[in-house]
PDB file of N, CA and C in Angstrom:
ATOM      1  N   UNK A   1     142.157  33.224 142.971  1.00  0.00           N
ATOM      2  CA  UNK A   1     143.366  32.458 142.684  1.00  0.00           C
ATOM      3  C   UNK A   1     144.038  33.010 141.439  1.00  0.00           C
ATOM      4  N   UNK A   2     145.308  33.264 141.513  1.00  0.00           N
ATOM      5  CA  UNK A   2     146.038  33.768 140.358  1.00  0.00           C
ATOM      6  C   UNK A   2     146.919  32.666 139.786  1.00  0.00           C
ATOM      7  N   UNK A   3     147.013  32.651 138.474  1.00  0.00           N
ATOM      8  CA  UNK A   3     147.894  31.680 137.818  1.00  0.00           C
ATOM      9  C   UNK A   3     149.119  32.416 137.321  1.00  0.00           C
ATOM     10  N   UNK A   4     150.205  31.714 137.277  1.00  0.00           N
ATOM     11  CA  UNK A   4     151.466  32.308 136.849  1.00  0.00           C
ATOM     12  C   UNK A   4     152.025  31.515 135.688  1.00  0.00           C
ATOM     13  N   UNK A   5     152.531  32.192 134.700  1.00  0.00           N
ATOM     14  CA  UNK A   5     153.215  31.519 133.604  1.00  0.00           C
ATOM     15  C   UNK A   5     154.510  30.943 134.152  1.00  0.00           C
ATOM     16  N   UNK A   6     154.581  29.617 134.165  1.00  0.00           N
ATOM     17  CA  UNK A   6     155.739  28.946 134.767  1.00  0.00           C
ATOM     18  C   UNK A   6     157.037  29.333 134.080  1.00  0.00           C
ATOM     19  N   UNK A   7     157.015  29.369 132.739  1.00  0.00           N
ATOM     20  CA  UNK A   7     158.246  29.699 132.023  1.00  0.00           C
ATOM     21  C   UNK A   7     158.728  31.095 132.388  1.00  0.00           C
ATOM     22  N   UNK A   8     157.796  32.043 132.456  1.00  0.00           N
ATOM     23  CA  UNK A   8     158.172  33.408 132.813  1.00  0.00           C
ATOM     24  C   UNK A   8     158.747  33.442 134.227  1.00  0.00           C
ATOM     25  N   UNK A   9     158.119  32.696 135.122  1.00  0.00           N
ATOM     26  CA  UNK A   9     158.567  32.667 136.504  1.00  0.00           C
ATOM     27  C   UNK A   9     159.991  32.160 136.616  1.00  0.00           C
ATOM     28  N   UNK A  10     160.322  31.145 135.813  1.00  0.00           N
ATOM     29  CA  UNK A  10     161.629  30.504 135.928  1.00  0.00           C
ATOM     30  C   UNK A  10     162.647  31.076 134.952  1.00  0.00           C
ATOM     31  N   UNK A  11     162.236  32.054 134.166  1.00  0.00           N
ATOM     32  CA  UNK A  11     163.143  32.559 133.150  1.00  0.00           C
ATOM     33  C   UNK A  11     164.227  33.453 133.764  1.00  0.00           C
ATOM     34  N   UNK A  12     165.449  33.190 133.361  1.00  0.00           N
ATOM     35  CA  UNK A  12     166.565  33.999 133.855  1.00  0.00           C
ATOM     36  C   UNK A  12     166.670  35.278 133.031  1.00  0.00           C
ATOM     37  N   UNK A  13     167.508  36.185 133.503  1.00  0.00           N
ATOM     38  CA  UNK A  13     167.657  37.477 132.833  1.00  0.00           C
ATOM     39  C   UNK A  13     168.177  37.322 131.407  1.00  0.00           C
ATOM     40  N   UNK A  14     168.939  36.265 131.150  1.00  0.00           N
ATOM     41  CA  UNK A  14     169.500  36.092 129.810  1.00  0.00           C
ATOM     42  C   UNK A  14     168.505  35.442 128.858  1.00  0.00           C
ATOM     43  N   UNK A  15     167.296  35.190 129.327  1.00  0.00           N
ATOM     44  CA  UNK A  15     166.271  34.632 128.458  1.00  0.00           C
ATOM     45  C   UNK A  15     166.213  33.119 128.470  1.00  0.00           C
ATOM     46  N   UNK A  16     167.188  32.484 129.111  1.00  0.00           N
ATOM     47  CA  UNK A  16     167.171  31.026 129.188  1.00  0.00           C
ATOM     48  C   UNK A  16     166.282  30.585 130.338  1.00  0.00           C
ATOM     49  N   UNK A  17     165.633  29.466 130.135  1.00  0.00           N
ATOM     50  CA  UNK A  17     164.811  28.921 131.196  1.00  0.00           C
ATOM     51  C   UNK A  17     165.731  28.256 132.207  1.00  0.00           C
ATOM     52  N   UNK A  18     165.621  28.669 133.447  1.00  0.00           N
ATOM     53  CA  UNK A  18     166.474  28.086 134.481  1.00  0.00           C
ATOM     54  C   UNK A  18     165.609  27.644 135.644  1.00  0.00           C
ATOM     55  N   UNK A  19     166.185  26.853 136.511  1.00  0.00           N
ATOM     56  CA  UNK A  19     165.460  26.415 137.689  1.00  0.00           C
ATOM     57  C   UNK A  19     164.789  25.067 137.499  1.00  0.00           C
ATOM     58  N   UNK A  20     164.644  24.633 136.268  1.00  0.00           N
ATOM     59  CA  UNK A  20     164.095  23.311 136.009  1.00  0.00           C
ATOM     60  C   UNK A  20     165.212  22.287 136.117  1.00  0.00           C
ATOM     61  N   UNK A  21     164.857  21.028 136.363  1.00  0.00           N
ATOM     62  CA  UNK A  21     165.875  19.979 136.295  1.00  0.00           C
ATOM     63  C   UNK A  21     166.515  19.961 134.909  1.00  0.00           C
ATOM     64  N   UNK A  22     167.772  19.585 134.843  1.00  0.00           N
ATOM     65  CA  UNK A  22     168.541  19.652 133.596  1.00  0.00           C
ATOM     66  C   UNK A  22     167.852  19.007 132.388  1.00  0.00           C
ATOM     67  N   UNK A  23     167.271  17.803 132.521  1.00  0.00           N
ATOM     68  CA  UNK A  23     166.641  17.189 131.340  1.00  0.00           C
ATOM     69  C   UNK A  23     165.472  18.017 130.804  1.00  0.00           C
ATOM     70  N   UNK A  24     164.693  18.586 131.732  1.00  0.00           N
ATOM     71  CA  UNK A  24     163.550  19.407 131.304  1.00  0.00           C
ATOM     72  C   UNK A  24     164.057  20.688 130.659  1.00  0.00           C
ATOM     73  N   UNK A  25     165.079  21.272 131.232  1.00  0.00           N
ATOM     74  CA  UNK A  25     165.651  22.500 130.677  1.00  0.00           C
ATOM     75  C   UNK A  25     166.184  22.250 129.263  1.00  0.00           C
ATOM     76  N   UNK A  26     166.878  21.129 129.091  1.00  0.00           N
ATOM     77  CA  UNK A  26     167.416  20.785 127.768  1.00  0.00           C
ATOM     78  C   UNK A  26     166.283  20.586 126.775  1.00  0.00           C
ATOM     79  N   UNK A  27     165.223  19.919 127.216  1.00  0.00           N
ATOM     80  CA  UNK A  27     164.063  19.683 126.347  1.00  0.00           C
ATOM     81  C   UNK A  27     163.423  21.002 125.927  1.00  0.00           C
ATOM     82  N   UNK A  28     163.234  21.908 126.891  1.00  0.00           N
ATOM     83  CA  UNK A  28     162.616  23.201 126.587  1.00  0.00           C
ATOM     84  C   UNK A  28     163.471  24.005 125.612  1.00  0.00           C
ATOM     85  N   UNK A  29     164.781  23.974 125.811  1.00  0.00           N
ATOM     86  CA  UNK A  29     165.666  24.726 124.914  1.00  0.00           C
ATOM     87  C   UNK A  29     165.642  24.125 123.508  1.00  0.00           C
ATOM     88  N   UNK A  30     165.565  22.777 123.431  1.00  0.00           N
ATOM     89  CA  UNK A  30     165.473  22.115 122.127  1.00  0.00           C
ATOM     90  C   UNK A  30     164.186  22.517 121.420  1.00  0.00           C
ATOM     91  N   UNK A  31     163.080  22.500 122.166  1.00  0.00           N
ATOM     92  CA  UNK A  31     161.798  22.883 121.581  1.00  0.00           C
ATOM     93  C   UNK A  31     161.824  24.329 121.114  1.00  0.00           C
ATOM     94  N   UNK A  32     162.433  25.191 121.909  1.00  0.00           N
ATOM     95  CA  UNK A  32     162.537  26.604 121.557  1.00  0.00           C
ATOM     96  C   UNK A  32     163.325  26.777 120.262  1.00  0.00           C
ATOM     97  N   UNK A  33     164.432  26.031 120.136  1.00  0.00           N
ATOM     98  CA  UNK A  33     165.256  26.103 118.931  1.00  0.00           C
ATOM     99  C   UNK A  33     164.473  25.595 117.725  1.00  0.00           C
ATOM    100  N   UNK A  34     163.746  24.487 117.903  1.00  0.00           N
ATOM    101  CA  UNK A  34     162.945  23.934 116.810  1.00  0.00           C
ATOM    102  C   UNK A  34     161.895  24.930 116.357  1.00  0.00           C
ATOM    103  N   UNK A  35     161.230  25.559 117.311  1.00  0.00           N
ATOM    104  CA  UNK A  35     160.213  26.555 116.970  1.00  0.00           C
ATOM    105  C   UNK A  35     160.835  27.734 116.241  1.00  0.00           C
ATOM    106  N   UNK A  36     161.992  28.178 116.704  1.00  0.00           N
ATOM    107  CA  UNK A  36     162.680  29.291 116.054  1.00  0.00           C
ATOM    108  C   UNK A  36     163.021  28.936 114.608  1.00  0.00           C
ATOM    109  N   UNK A  37     163.503  27.706 114.402  1.00  0.00           N
ATOM    110  CA  UNK A  37     163.844  27.262 113.051  1.00  0.00           C
ATOM    111  C   UNK A  37     162.604  27.197 112.161  1.00  0.00           C
ATOM    112  N   UNK A  38     161.498  26.717 112.724  1.00  0.00           N
ATOM    113  CA  UNK A  38     160.264  26.621 111.954  1.00  0.00           C
ATOM    114  C   UNK A  38     159.743  28.001 111.573  1.00  0.00           C
ATOM    115  N   UNK A  39     159.809  28.924 112.517  1.00  0.00           N
ATOM    116  CA  UNK A  39     159.371  30.293 112.233  1.00  0.00           C
ATOM    117  C   UNK A  39     160.260  30.909 111.158  1.00  0.00           C
ATOM    118  N   UNK A  40     161.574  30.671 111.270  1.00  0.00           N
ATOM    119  CA  UNK A  40     162.506  31.186 110.265  1.00  0.00           C
ATOM    120  C   UNK A  40     162.218  30.610 108.888  1.00  0.00           C
ATOM    121  N   UNK A  41     161.954  29.311 108.833  1.00  0.00           N
ATOM    122  CA  UNK A  41     161.644  28.659 107.555  1.00  0.00           C
ATOM    123  C   UNK A  41     160.345  29.211 106.984  1.00  0.00           C
ATOM    124  N   UNK A  42     159.368  29.429 107.853  1.00  0.00           N
ATOM    125  CA  UNK A  42     158.099  29.985 107.402  1.00  0.00           C
ATOM    126  C   UNK A  42     158.304  31.382 106.825  1.00  0.00           C
ATOM    127  N   UNK A  43     159.122  32.190 107.484  1.00  0.00           N
ATOM    128  CA  UNK A  43     159.384  33.547 106.998  1.00  0.00           C
ATOM    129  C   UNK A  43     160.065  33.512 105.631  1.00  0.00           C
ATOM    130  N   UNK A  44     161.011  32.594 105.446  1.00  0.00           N
ATOM    131  CA  UNK A  44     161.676  32.453 104.149  1.00  0.00           C
ATOM    132  C   UNK A  44     160.679  32.020 103.080  1.00  0.00           C
ATOM    133  N   UNK A  45     159.833  31.048 103.429  1.00  0.00           N
ATOM    134  CA  UNK A  45     158.812  30.568 102.494  1.00  0.00           C
ATOM    135  C   UNK A  45     157.856  31.695 102.136  1.00  0.00           C
ATOM    136  N   UNK A  46     157.451  32.435 103.150  1.00  0.00           N
ATOM    137  CA  UNK A  46     156.538  33.549 102.951  1.00  0.00           C
ATOM    138  C   UNK A  46     157.163  34.601 102.030  1.00  0.00           C
ATOM    139  N   UNK A  47     158.443  34.883 102.235  1.00  0.00           N
ATOM    140  CA  UNK A  47     159.141  35.863 101.398  1.00  0.00           C
ATOM    141  C   UNK A  47     159.224  35.365  99.951  1.00  0.00           C
ATOM    142  N   UNK A  48     159.500  34.061  99.791  1.00  0.00           N
ATOM    143  CA  UNK A  48     159.592  33.489  98.453  1.00  0.00           C
ATOM    144  C   UNK A  48     158.237  33.540  97.750  1.00  0.00           C
ATOM    145  N   UNK A  49     157.180  33.221  98.465  1.00  0.00           N
ATOM    146  CA  UNK A  49     155.840  33.269  97.884  1.00  0.00           C
ATOM    147  C   UNK A  49     155.451  34.698  97.518  1.00  0.00           C
ATOM    148  N   UNK A  50     155.805  35.629  98.371  1.00  0.00           N
ATOM    149  CA  UNK A  50     155.518  37.041  98.092  1.00  0.00           C
ATOM    150  C   UNK A  50     156.236  37.488  96.821  1.00  0.00           C
ATOM    151  N   UNK A  51     157.499  37.090  96.695  1.00  0.00           N
ATOM    152  CA  UNK A  51     158.274  37.437  95.502  1.00  0.00           C
ATOM    153  C   UNK A  51     157.641  36.813  94.251  1.00  0.00           C
ATOM    154  N   UNK A  52     157.191  35.560  94.381  1.00  0.00           N
ATOM    155  CA  UNK A  52     156.555  34.866  93.253  1.00  0.00           C
ATOM    156  C   UNK A  52     155.265  35.569  92.848  1.00  0.00           C
ATOM    157  N   UNK A  53     154.437  35.906  93.811  1.00  0.00           N
ATOM    158  CA  UNK A  53     153.182  36.608  93.533  1.00  0.00           C
ATOM    159  C   UNK A  53     153.465  37.948  92.870  1.00  0.00           C
ATOM    160  N   UNK A  54     154.457  38.665  93.370  1.00  0.00           N
ATOM    161  CA  UNK A  54     154.813  39.958  92.788  1.00  0.00           C
ATOM    162  C   UNK A  54     155.309  39.800  91.349  1.00  0.00           C
ATOM    163  N   UNK A  55     156.091  38.750  91.106  1.00  0.00           N
ATOM    164  CA  UNK A  55     156.609  38.507  89.757  1.00  0.00           C
ATOM    165  C   UNK A  55     155.478  38.178  88.794  1.00  0.00           C
ATOM    166  N   UNK A  56     154.559  37.323  89.223  1.00  0.00           N
ATOM    167  CA  UNK A  56     153.407  36.961  88.384  1.00  0.00           C
ATOM    168  C   UNK A  56     152.557  38.195  88.132  1.00  0.00           C
ATOM    169  N   UNK A  57     152.340  38.953  89.165  1.00  0.00           N
ATOM    170  CA  UNK A  57     151.554  40.177  89.063  1.00  0.00           C
ATOM    171  C   UNK A  57     152.171  41.139  88.046  1.00  0.00           C
ATOM    172  N   UNK A  58     153.493  41.299  88.129  1.00  0.00           N
ATOM    173  CA  UNK A  58     154.196  42.190  87.208  1.00  0.00           C
ATOM    174  C   UNK A  58     154.116  41.647  85.780  1.00  0.00           C
ATOM    175  N   UNK A  59     154.240  40.333  85.635  1.00  0.00           N
ATOM    176  CA  UNK A  59     154.184  39.719  84.308  1.00  0.00           C
ATOM    177  C   UNK A  59     152.803  39.898  83.682  1.00  0.00           C
ATOM    178  N   UNK A  60     151.782  39.938  84.515  1.00  0.00           N
ATOM    179  CA  UNK A  60     150.411  40.114  84.015  1.00  0.00           C
ATOM    180  C   UNK A  60     150.062  41.591  83.843  1.00  0.00           C
ATOM    181  N   UNK A  61     151.016  42.429  84.109  1.00  0.00           N
ATOM    182  CA  UNK A  61     150.799  43.859  83.915  1.00  0.00           C
ATOM    183  C   UNK A  61     150.152  44.536  85.097  1.00  0.00           C
ATOM    184  N   UNK A  62     150.149  43.840  86.227  1.00  0.00           N
ATOM    185  CA  UNK A  62     149.522  44.424  87.424  1.00  0.00           C
ATOM    186  C   UNK A  62     150.514  45.276  88.137  1.00  0.00           C
TER     187      UNK A  62
END
């Protein structure tokens, strides 16, 4: 028995999930946007922390 990733199966060429009923599609797109925002925020936080560590390191003569 083979399993298939449902999202991949229903994904349209433009990357949007299609084929699901409208409410489910809207929910999936909302979740995708939320995840994208969280990843973006994490990357910004990570960059800020990296800059802080580098600044402290430089201040300590490292």
